[in-house]
N, C-alpha and C. Protein backbone atom coordinates (compact mmCIF):
# COMPACT_ATOMS: atom_id res chain seq x y z
N UNK A 1 55.94 159.80 155.32
CA UNK A 1 54.63 159.44 154.84
C UNK A 1 54.01 158.30 155.64
N UNK A 2 54.82 157.52 156.34
CA UNK A 2 54.28 156.42 157.14
C UNK A 2 53.41 156.93 158.27
N UNK A 3 53.71 158.08 158.80
CA UNK A 3 52.97 158.64 159.93
C UNK A 3 51.55 159.05 159.53
N UNK A 4 51.28 159.13 158.26
CA UNK A 4 49.97 159.56 157.79
C UNK A 4 48.94 158.45 157.85
N UNK A 5 49.33 157.24 158.12
CA UNK A 5 48.36 156.15 158.22
C UNK A 5 47.76 155.80 156.88
N UNK A 6 46.43 155.73 156.82
CA UNK A 6 45.73 155.31 155.60
C UNK A 6 45.36 156.46 154.69
N UNK A 7 45.92 157.63 154.90
CA UNK A 7 45.55 158.79 154.10
C UNK A 7 46.36 158.85 152.82
N UNK A 8 45.68 159.22 151.74
CA UNK A 8 46.33 159.29 150.44
C UNK A 8 47.20 160.54 150.29
N UNK A 9 46.84 161.60 151.01
CA UNK A 9 47.59 162.85 150.88
C UNK A 9 47.56 163.61 152.21
N UNK A 10 48.41 164.59 152.28
CA UNK A 10 48.44 165.45 153.46
C UNK A 10 47.13 166.21 153.58
N UNK A 11 46.55 166.58 152.45
CA UNK A 11 45.26 167.28 152.46
C UNK A 11 44.18 166.41 153.11
N UNK A 12 44.16 165.13 152.78
CA UNK A 12 43.19 164.22 153.39
C UNK A 12 43.40 164.13 154.90
N UNK A 13 44.65 164.04 155.29
CA UNK A 13 44.98 163.97 156.72
C UNK A 13 44.52 165.22 157.45
N UNK A 14 44.84 166.40 156.88
CA UNK A 14 44.44 167.66 157.51
C UNK A 14 42.93 167.82 157.55
N UNK A 15 42.26 167.37 156.50
CA UNK A 15 40.80 167.43 156.47
C UNK A 15 40.21 166.61 157.61
N UNK A 16 40.74 165.42 157.81
CA UNK A 16 40.23 164.57 158.89
C UNK A 16 40.54 165.17 160.26
N UNK A 17 41.74 165.69 160.44
CA UNK A 17 42.11 166.29 161.73
C UNK A 17 41.20 167.48 162.04
N UNK A 18 40.96 168.33 161.05
CA UNK A 18 40.08 169.48 161.26
C UNK A 18 38.65 169.05 161.55
N UNK A 19 38.18 168.03 160.87
CA UNK A 19 36.82 167.53 161.10
C UNK A 19 36.69 166.98 162.52
N UNK A 20 37.67 166.23 162.98
CA UNK A 20 37.63 165.69 164.33
C UNK A 20 37.69 166.81 165.37
N UNK A 21 38.50 167.83 165.10
CA UNK A 21 38.61 168.96 166.00
C UNK A 21 37.27 169.71 166.11
N UNK A 22 36.64 169.94 164.96
CA UNK A 22 35.35 170.65 164.96
C UNK A 22 34.27 169.83 165.66
N UNK A 23 34.28 168.53 165.45
CA UNK A 23 33.30 167.67 166.13
C UNK A 23 33.50 167.70 167.64
N UNK A 24 34.75 167.72 168.09
CA UNK A 24 35.03 167.81 169.52
C UNK A 24 34.52 169.13 170.08
N UNK A 25 34.70 170.21 169.33
CA UNK A 25 34.19 171.51 169.76
C UNK A 25 32.67 171.50 169.84
N UNK A 26 32.02 170.91 168.85
CA UNK A 26 30.55 170.85 168.85
C UNK A 26 30.04 170.00 170.01
N UNK A 27 30.72 168.90 170.30
CA UNK A 27 30.31 168.07 171.44
C UNK A 27 30.45 168.83 172.75
N UNK A 28 31.53 169.57 172.90
CA UNK A 28 31.74 170.35 174.12
C UNK A 28 30.66 171.42 174.26
N UNK A 29 30.33 172.08 173.17
CA UNK A 29 29.30 173.12 173.20
C UNK A 29 27.93 172.50 173.51
N UNK A 30 27.65 171.35 172.92
CA UNK A 30 26.38 170.66 173.19
C UNK A 30 26.29 170.27 174.67
N UNK A 31 27.40 169.83 175.25
CA UNK A 31 27.41 169.49 176.67
C UNK A 31 27.12 170.71 177.54
N UNK A 32 27.72 171.85 177.18
CA UNK A 32 27.48 173.09 177.93
C UNK A 32 26.00 173.47 177.85
N UNK A 33 25.43 173.42 176.66
CA UNK A 33 24.02 173.77 176.49
C UNK A 33 23.11 172.80 177.24
N UNK A 34 23.45 171.52 177.20
CA UNK A 34 22.66 170.52 177.93
C UNK A 34 22.68 170.82 179.42
N UNK A 35 23.84 171.17 179.95
CA UNK A 35 23.95 171.50 181.38
C UNK A 35 23.15 172.75 181.71
N UNK A 36 23.21 173.75 180.86
CA UNK A 36 22.45 174.98 181.11
C UNK A 36 20.95 174.72 181.08
N UNK A 37 20.51 173.89 180.14
CA UNK A 37 19.09 173.55 180.08
C UNK A 37 18.66 172.77 181.32
N UNK A 38 19.53 171.90 181.82
CA UNK A 38 19.21 171.17 183.04
C UNK A 38 19.09 172.14 184.21
N UNK A 39 19.99 173.11 184.27
CA UNK A 39 19.93 174.11 185.34
C UNK A 39 18.64 174.94 185.26
N UNK A 40 18.25 175.31 184.05
CA UNK A 40 17.02 176.07 183.87
C UNK A 40 15.83 175.24 184.32
N UNK A 41 15.85 173.95 184.00
CA UNK A 41 14.75 173.07 184.39
C UNK A 41 14.62 172.90 185.88
N UNK A 42 15.71 173.13 186.62
CA UNK A 42 15.69 172.97 188.08
C UNK A 42 15.41 174.29 188.80
N UNK A 43 15.12 175.34 188.05
CA UNK A 43 14.86 176.64 188.64
C UNK A 43 13.51 176.63 189.36
N UNK A 44 13.50 177.17 190.57
CA UNK A 44 12.25 177.29 191.34
C UNK A 44 11.53 178.54 190.84
N UNK A 45 10.56 178.34 189.97
CA UNK A 45 9.87 179.45 189.31
C UNK A 45 9.11 180.30 190.32
N UNK A 46 8.45 179.66 191.28
CA UNK A 46 7.68 180.41 192.28
C UNK A 46 8.58 181.36 193.06
N UNK A 47 9.75 180.88 193.48
CA UNK A 47 10.69 181.73 194.22
C UNK A 47 11.20 182.86 193.35
N UNK A 48 11.43 182.58 192.08
CA UNK A 48 11.90 183.61 191.16
C UNK A 48 10.83 184.69 190.97
N UNK A 49 9.59 184.29 190.80
CA UNK A 49 8.50 185.26 190.64
C UNK A 49 8.36 186.10 191.90
N UNK A 50 8.48 185.47 193.05
CA UNK A 50 8.38 186.22 194.31
C UNK A 50 9.51 187.24 194.43
N UNK A 51 10.72 186.83 194.08
CA UNK A 51 11.85 187.76 194.15
C UNK A 51 11.67 188.91 193.17
N UNK A 52 11.16 188.62 191.99
CA UNK A 52 10.92 189.69 191.01
C UNK A 52 9.85 190.66 191.50
N UNK A 53 8.88 190.15 192.24
CA UNK A 53 7.84 191.01 192.80
C UNK A 53 8.38 191.99 193.82
N UNK A 54 9.51 191.64 194.46
CA UNK A 54 10.13 192.52 195.45
C UNK A 54 11.21 193.42 194.85
N UNK A 55 11.49 193.26 193.58
CA UNK A 55 12.54 194.08 192.97
C UNK A 55 11.96 195.43 192.55
N UNK A 56 12.82 196.43 192.37
CA UNK A 56 12.32 197.74 191.94
C UNK A 56 11.73 197.70 190.53
N UNK A 57 12.01 196.64 189.77
CA UNK A 57 11.49 196.53 188.42
C UNK A 57 10.22 195.70 188.36
N UNK A 58 9.88 195.05 189.46
CA UNK A 58 8.70 194.18 189.48
C UNK A 58 7.41 194.97 189.63
N UNK A 59 6.32 194.27 189.45
CA UNK A 59 5.03 194.95 189.49
C UNK A 59 4.29 194.78 190.78
């Protein structure tokens, strides 16, 4: 029981561990999304439109 620190029960300990794990997952996902949004923001729209105009699906 000493290894549990300030937790009153094993359930409290597991609840905290799961909460920390989920928060770490959410932070990692938020970082991925932030990076993707930064990449989208750096897209050269004019070059993309030009390439689409040369594609068989473009107009």
